[in-house]
Amino acid sequence: MKQFAKVVTGAVAASAALASTVLAQGAVPVVVTPEPSTYVLLGTGAVALGLIARARRNKK
């Protein structure tokens, strides 16, 4: 899990660096908003992981 946190933190830092570079060049910032299907997919994956963990816990 720590590796995942490092990757996410690095991605956020890279995005911030890119945004500051673009703003320094005078471009208009564009806000990227995920589509609702992205949230559905993320939620489905979270539920699936929860169900797998629950099944493993009850199996023992």
PDB file of N, CA and C in Angstrom:
ATOM      1  N   MET A   1       0.826  -1.196   0.000  1.00  0.00           N
ATOM      2  CA  MET A   1       0.000   0.000   0.000  1.00  0.00           C
ATOM      3  C   MET A   1       0.870   1.261   0.000  1.00  0.00           C
ATOM      4  N   LYS A   2       2.047   1.162   0.608  1.00  0.00           N
ATOM      5  CA  LYS A   2       2.933   2.328   0.661  1.00  0.00           C
ATOM      6  C   LYS A   2       3.415   2.709  -0.731  1.00  0.00           C
ATOM      7  N   GLN A   3       3.665   1.691  -1.582  1.00  0.00           N
ATOM      8  CA  GLN A   3       4.104   1.984  -2.945  1.00  0.00           C
ATOM      9  C   GLN A   3       3.013   2.734  -3.689  1.00  0.00           C
ATOM     10  N   PHE A   4       1.760   2.313  -3.505  1.00  0.00           N
ATOM     11  CA  PHE A   4       0.638   2.984  -4.160  1.00  0.00           C
ATOM     12  C   PHE A   4       0.567   4.438  -3.725  1.00  0.00           C
ATOM     13  N   ALA A   5       0.761   4.683  -2.431  1.00  0.00           N
ATOM     14  CA  ALA A   5       0.717   6.055  -1.921  1.00  0.00           C
ATOM     15  C   ALA A   5       1.828   6.896  -2.533  1.00  0.00           C
ATOM     16  N   LYS A   6       3.012   6.296  -2.727  1.00  0.00           N
ATOM     17  CA  LYS A   6       4.117   7.034  -3.340  1.00  0.00           C
ATOM     18  C   LYS A   6       3.804   7.377  -4.790  1.00  0.00           C
ATOM     19  N   VAL A   7       3.194   6.425  -5.510  1.00  0.00           N
ATOM     20  CA  VAL A   7       2.853   6.666  -6.915  1.00  0.00           C
ATOM     21  C   VAL A   7       1.821   7.776  -7.016  1.00  0.00           C
ATOM     22  N   VAL A   8       0.787   7.714  -6.176  1.00  0.00           N
ATOM     23  CA  VAL A   8      -0.263   8.730  -6.211  1.00  0.00           C
ATOM     24  C   VAL A   8       0.316  10.084  -5.834  1.00  0.00           C
ATOM     25  N   THR A   9       1.145  10.128  -4.811  1.00  0.00           N
ATOM     26  CA  THR A   9       1.753  11.386  -4.393  1.00  0.00           C
ATOM     27  C   THR A   9       2.631  11.953  -5.502  1.00  0.00           C
ATOM     28  N   GLY A  10       3.385  11.080  -6.163  1.00  0.00           N
ATOM     29  CA  GLY A  10       4.229  11.526  -7.266  1.00  0.00           C
ATOM     30  C   GLY A  10       3.414  12.060  -8.420  1.00  0.00           C
ATOM     31  N   ALA A  11       2.281  11.406  -8.707  1.00  0.00           N
ATOM     32  CA  ALA A  11       1.415  11.852  -9.799  1.00  0.00           C
ATOM     33  C   ALA A  11       0.816  13.217  -9.483  1.00  0.00           C
ATOM     34  N   VAL A  12       0.419  13.419  -8.247  1.00  0.00           N
ATOM     35  CA  VAL A  12      -0.146  14.715  -7.848  1.00  0.00           C
ATOM     36  C   VAL A  12       0.911  15.803  -7.942  1.00  0.00           C
ATOM     37  N   ALA A  13       2.117  15.491  -7.500  1.00  0.00           N
ATOM     38  CA  ALA A  13       3.208  16.477  -7.572  1.00  0.00           C
ATOM     39  C   ALA A  13       3.528  16.814  -9.021  1.00  0.00           C
ATOM     40  N   ALA A  14       3.528  15.800  -9.883  1.00  0.00           N
ATOM     41  CA  ALA A  14       3.803  16.040 -11.302  1.00  0.00           C
ATOM     42  C   ALA A  14       2.706  16.895 -11.922  1.00  0.00           C
ATOM     43  N   SER A  15       1.457  16.635 -11.550  1.00  0.00           N
ATOM     44  CA  SER A  15       0.343  17.433 -12.071  1.00  0.00           C
ATOM     45  C   SER A  15       0.459  18.883 -11.617  1.00  0.00           C
ATOM     46  N   ALA A  16       0.827  19.080 -10.366  1.00  0.00           N
ATOM     47  CA  ALA A  16       0.975  20.434  -9.852  1.00  0.00           C
ATOM     48  C   ALA A  16       2.107  21.168 -10.558  1.00  0.00           C
ATOM     49  N   ALA A  17       3.202  20.454 -10.801  1.00  0.00           N
ATOM     50  CA  ALA A  17       4.335  21.062 -11.499  1.00  0.00           C
ATOM     51  C   ALA A  17       3.941  21.436 -12.924  1.00  0.00           C
ATOM     52  N   LEU A  18       3.215  20.563 -13.591  1.00  0.00           N
ATOM     53  CA  LEU A  18       2.768  20.832 -14.958  1.00  0.00           C
ATOM     54  C   LEU A  18       1.817  22.027 -14.975  1.00  0.00           C
ATOM     55  N   ALA A  19       0.897  22.064 -14.017  1.00  0.00           N
ATOM     56  CA  ALA A  19      -0.059  23.170 -13.966  1.00  0.00           C
ATOM     57  C   ALA A  19       0.657  24.497 -13.736  1.00  0.00           C
ATOM     58  N   SER A  20       1.657  24.514 -12.865  1.00  0.00           N
ATOM     59  CA  SER A  20       2.360  25.772 -12.611  1.00  0.00           C
ATOM     60  C   SER A  20       3.174  26.185 -13.832  1.00  0.00           C
ATOM     61  N   THR A  21       3.699  25.226 -14.578  1.00  0.00           N
ATOM     62  CA  THR A  21       4.450  25.535 -15.790  1.00  0.00           C
ATOM     63  C   THR A  21       3.530  26.130 -16.841  1.00  0.00           C
ATOM     64  N   VAL A  22       2.355  25.526 -16.998  1.00  0.00           N
ATOM     65  CA  VAL A  22       1.396  26.020 -17.991  1.00  0.00           C
ATOM     66  C   VAL A  22       0.930  27.417 -17.621  1.00  0.00           C
ATOM     67  N   LEU A  23       0.638  27.641 -16.347  1.00  0.00           N
ATOM     68  CA  LEU A  23       0.179  28.964 -15.912  1.00  0.00           C
ATOM     69  C   LEU A  23       1.281  30.006 -16.080  1.00  0.00           C
ATOM     70  N   ALA A  24       2.536  29.602 -15.880  1.00  0.00           N
ATOM     71  CA  ALA A  24       3.643  30.537 -16.035  1.00  0.00           C
ATOM     72  C   ALA A  24       3.777  30.985 -17.492  1.00  0.00           C
ATOM     73  N   GLN A  25       3.340  30.146 -18.424  1.00  0.00           N
ATOM     74  CA  GLN A  25       3.428  30.487 -19.837  1.00  0.00           C
ATOM     75  C   GLN A  25       2.221  31.286 -20.308  1.00  0.00           C
ATOM     76  N   GLY A  26       1.277  31.561 -19.425  1.00  0.00           N
ATOM     77  CA  GLY A  26       0.145  32.398 -19.768  1.00  0.00           C
ATOM     78  C   GLY A  26      -1.048  31.664 -20.343  1.00  0.00           C
ATOM     79  N   ALA A  27      -1.076  30.356 -20.271  1.00  0.00           N
ATOM     80  CA  ALA A  27      -2.211  29.590 -20.794  1.00  0.00           C
ATOM     81  C   ALA A  27      -3.361  29.596 -19.790  1.00  0.00           C
ATOM     82  N   VAL A  28      -4.545  29.358 -20.271  1.00  0.00           N
ATOM     83  CA  VAL A  28      -5.722  29.285 -19.413  1.00  0.00           C
ATOM     84  C   VAL A  28      -5.801  27.875 -18.841  1.00  0.00           C
ATOM     85  N   PRO A  29      -5.935  27.734 -17.507  1.00  0.00           N
ATOM     86  CA  PRO A  29      -6.003  26.399 -16.911  1.00  0.00           C
ATOM     87  C   PRO A  29      -7.310  25.694 -17.294  1.00  0.00           C
ATOM     88  N   VAL A  30      -7.219  24.402 -17.516  1.00  0.00           N
ATOM     89  CA  VAL A  30      -8.385  23.592 -17.852  1.00  0.00           C
ATOM     90  C   VAL A  30      -8.606  22.603 -16.725  1.00  0.00           C
ATOM     91  N   VAL A  31      -9.815  22.588 -16.195  1.00  0.00           N
ATOM     92  CA  VAL A  31     -10.147  21.667 -15.118  1.00  0.00           C
ATOM     93  C   VAL A  31     -10.740  20.406 -15.729  1.00  0.00           C
ATOM     94  N   VAL A  32     -10.125  19.271 -15.425  1.00  0.00           N
ATOM     95  CA  VAL A  32     -10.594  18.000 -15.954  1.00  0.00           C
ATOM     96  C   VAL A  32     -11.537  17.385 -14.928  1.00  0.00           C
ATOM     97  N   THR A  33     -12.771  17.141 -15.339  1.00  0.00           N
ATOM     98  CA  THR A  33     -13.772  16.550 -14.460  1.00  0.00           C
ATOM     99  C   THR A  33     -14.089  15.144 -14.952  1.00  0.00           C
ATOM    100  N   PRO A  34     -13.944  14.133 -14.072  1.00  0.00           N
ATOM    101  CA  PRO A  34     -14.243  12.771 -14.502  1.00  0.00           C
ATOM    102  C   PRO A  34     -15.731  12.594 -14.819  1.00  0.00           C
ATOM    103  N   GLU A  35     -16.004  11.699 -15.748  1.00  0.00           N
ATOM    104  CA  GLU A  35     -17.392  11.401 -16.089  1.00  0.00           C
ATOM    105  C   GLU A  35     -18.012  10.562 -14.977  1.00  0.00           C
ATOM    106  N   PRO A  36     -19.339  10.575 -14.862  1.00  0.00           N
ATOM    107  CA  PRO A  36     -20.001   9.775 -13.822  1.00  0.00           C
ATOM    108  C   PRO A  36     -19.674   8.283 -13.915  1.00  0.00           C
ATOM    109  N   SER A  37     -19.457   7.778 -15.123  1.00  0.00           N
ATOM    110  CA  SER A  37     -19.142   6.358 -15.262  1.00  0.00           C
ATOM    111  C   SER A  37     -17.822   6.018 -14.580  1.00  0.00           C
ATOM    112  N   THR A  38     -16.925   6.985 -14.476  1.00  0.00           N
ATOM    113  CA  THR A  38     -15.661   6.770 -13.783  1.00  0.00           C
ATOM    114  C   THR A  38     -15.912   6.500 -12.310  1.00  0.00           C
ATOM    115  N   TYR A  39     -16.814   7.269 -11.712  1.00  0.00           N
ATOM    116  CA  TYR A  39     -17.160   7.062 -10.308  1.00  0.00           C
ATOM    117  C   TYR A  39     -17.857   5.720 -10.105  1.00  0.00           C
ATOM    118  N   VAL A  40     -18.698   5.328 -11.040  1.00  0.00           N
ATOM    119  CA  VAL A  40     -19.380   4.037 -10.947  1.00  0.00           C
ATOM    120  C   VAL A  40     -18.358   2.908 -11.001  1.00  0.00           C
ATOM    121  N   LEU A  41     -17.411   3.001 -11.908  1.00  0.00           N
ATOM    122  CA  LEU A  41     -16.384   1.974 -12.034  1.00  0.00           C
ATOM    123  C   LEU A  41     -15.531   1.911 -10.775  1.00  0.00           C
ATOM    124  N   LEU A  42     -15.153   3.048 -10.233  1.00  0.00           N
ATOM    125  CA  LEU A  42     -14.361   3.098  -9.014  1.00  0.00           C
ATOM    126  C   LEU A  42     -15.136   2.488  -7.849  1.00  0.00           C
ATOM    127  N   GLY A  43     -16.401   2.839  -7.723  1.00  0.00           N
ATOM    128  CA  GLY A  43     -17.238   2.298  -6.648  1.00  0.00           C
ATOM    129  C   GLY A  43     -17.436   0.800  -6.778  1.00  0.00           C
ATOM    130  N   THR A  44     -17.641   0.329  -7.995  1.00  0.00           N
ATOM    131  CA  THR A  44     -17.813  -1.102  -8.227  1.00  0.00           C
ATOM    132  C   THR A  44     -16.559  -1.868  -7.820  1.00  0.00           C
ATOM    133  N   GLY A  45     -15.408  -1.338  -8.167  1.00  0.00           N
ATOM    134  CA  GLY A  45     -14.149  -1.976  -7.781  1.00  0.00           C
ATOM    135  C   GLY A  45     -13.967  -2.006  -6.273  1.00  0.00           C
ATOM    136  N   ALA A  46     -14.339  -0.922  -5.594  1.00  0.00           N
ATOM    137  CA  ALA A  46     -14.221  -0.868  -4.138  1.00  0.00           C
ATOM    138  C   ALA A  46     -15.147  -1.893  -3.481  1.00  0.00           C
ATOM    139  N   VAL A  47     -16.367  -2.003  -3.994  1.00  0.00           N
ATOM    140  CA  VAL A  47     -17.317  -2.987  -3.454  1.00  0.00           C
ATOM    141  C   VAL A  47     -16.796  -4.403  -3.694  1.00  0.00           C
ATOM    142  N   ALA A  48     -16.262  -4.652  -4.894  1.00  0.00           N
ATOM    143  CA  ALA A  48     -15.731  -5.979  -5.202  1.00  0.00           C
ATOM    144  C   ALA A  48     -14.575  -6.331  -4.264  1.00  0.00           C
ATOM    145  N   LEU A  49     -13.676  -5.388  -4.017  1.00  0.00           N
ATOM    146  CA  LEU A  49     -12.577  -5.652  -3.090  1.00  0.00           C
ATOM    147  C   LEU A  49     -13.084  -5.922  -1.683  1.00  0.00           C
ATOM    148  N   GLY A  50     -14.099  -5.192  -1.266  1.00  0.00           N
ATOM    149  CA  GLY A  50     -14.701  -5.420   0.050  1.00  0.00           C
ATOM    150  C   GLY A  50     -15.327  -6.798   0.157  1.00  0.00           C
ATOM    151  N   LEU A  51     -16.025  -7.225  -0.899  1.00  0.00           N
ATOM    152  CA  LEU A  51     -16.646  -8.548  -0.886  1.00  0.00           C
ATOM    153  C   LEU A  51     -15.600  -9.660  -0.882  1.00  0.00           C
ATOM    154  N   ILE A  52     -14.524  -9.466  -1.615  1.00  0.00           N
ATOM    155  CA  ILE A  52     -13.446 -10.466  -1.626  1.00  0.00           C
ATOM    156  C   ILE A  52     -12.815 -10.569  -0.240  1.00  0.00           C
ATOM    157  N   ALA A  53     -12.556  -9.435   0.383  1.00  0.00           N
ATOM    158  CA  ALA A  53     -11.972  -9.440   1.733  1.00  0.00           C
ATOM    159  C   ALA A  53     -12.914 -10.112   2.722  1.00  0.00           C
ATOM    160  N   ARG A  54     -14.194  -9.837   2.609  1.00  0.00           N
ATOM    161  CA  ARG A  54     -15.186 -10.438   3.504  1.00  0.00           C
ATOM    162  C   ARG A  54     -15.242 -11.947   3.305  1.00  0.00           C
ATOM    163  N   ALA A  55     -15.202 -12.395   2.072  1.00  0.00           N
ATOM    164  CA  ALA A  55     -15.242 -13.833   1.783  1.00  0.00           C
ATOM    165  C   ALA A  55     -14.003 -14.524   2.337  1.00  0.00           C
ATOM    166  N   ARG A  56     -12.853 -13.891   2.224  1.00  0.00           N
ATOM    167  CA  ARG A  56     -11.631 -14.482   2.759  1.00  0.00           C
ATOM    168  C   ARG A  56     -11.674 -14.561   4.275  1.00  0.00           C
ATOM    169  N   ARG A  57     -12.223 -13.524   4.897  1.00  0.00           N
ATOM    170  CA  ARG A  57     -12.304 -13.498   6.341  1.00  0.00           C
ATOM    171  C   ARG A  57     -13.261 -14.575   6.853  1.00  0.00           C
ATOM    172  N   ASN A  58     -14.393 -14.762   6.185  1.00  0.00           N
ATOM    173  CA  ASN A  58     -15.388 -15.747   6.611  1.00  0.00           C
ATOM    174  C   ASN A  58     -14.985 -17.172   6.262  1.00  0.00           C
ATOM    175  N   LYS A  59     -14.062 -17.333   5.336  1.00  0.00           N
ATOM    176  CA  LYS A  59     -13.617 -18.653   4.903  1.00  0.00           C
ATOM    177  C   LYS A  59     -12.822 -19.366   5.991  1.00  0.00           C
ATOM    178  N   LYS A  60     -12.100 -18.613   6.794  1.00  0.00           N
ATOM    179  CA  LYS A  60     -11.224 -19.229   7.808  1.00  0.00           C
ATOM    180  C   LYS A  60     -11.962 -19.665   9.026  1.00  0.00           C
TER     181      LYS A  60
END
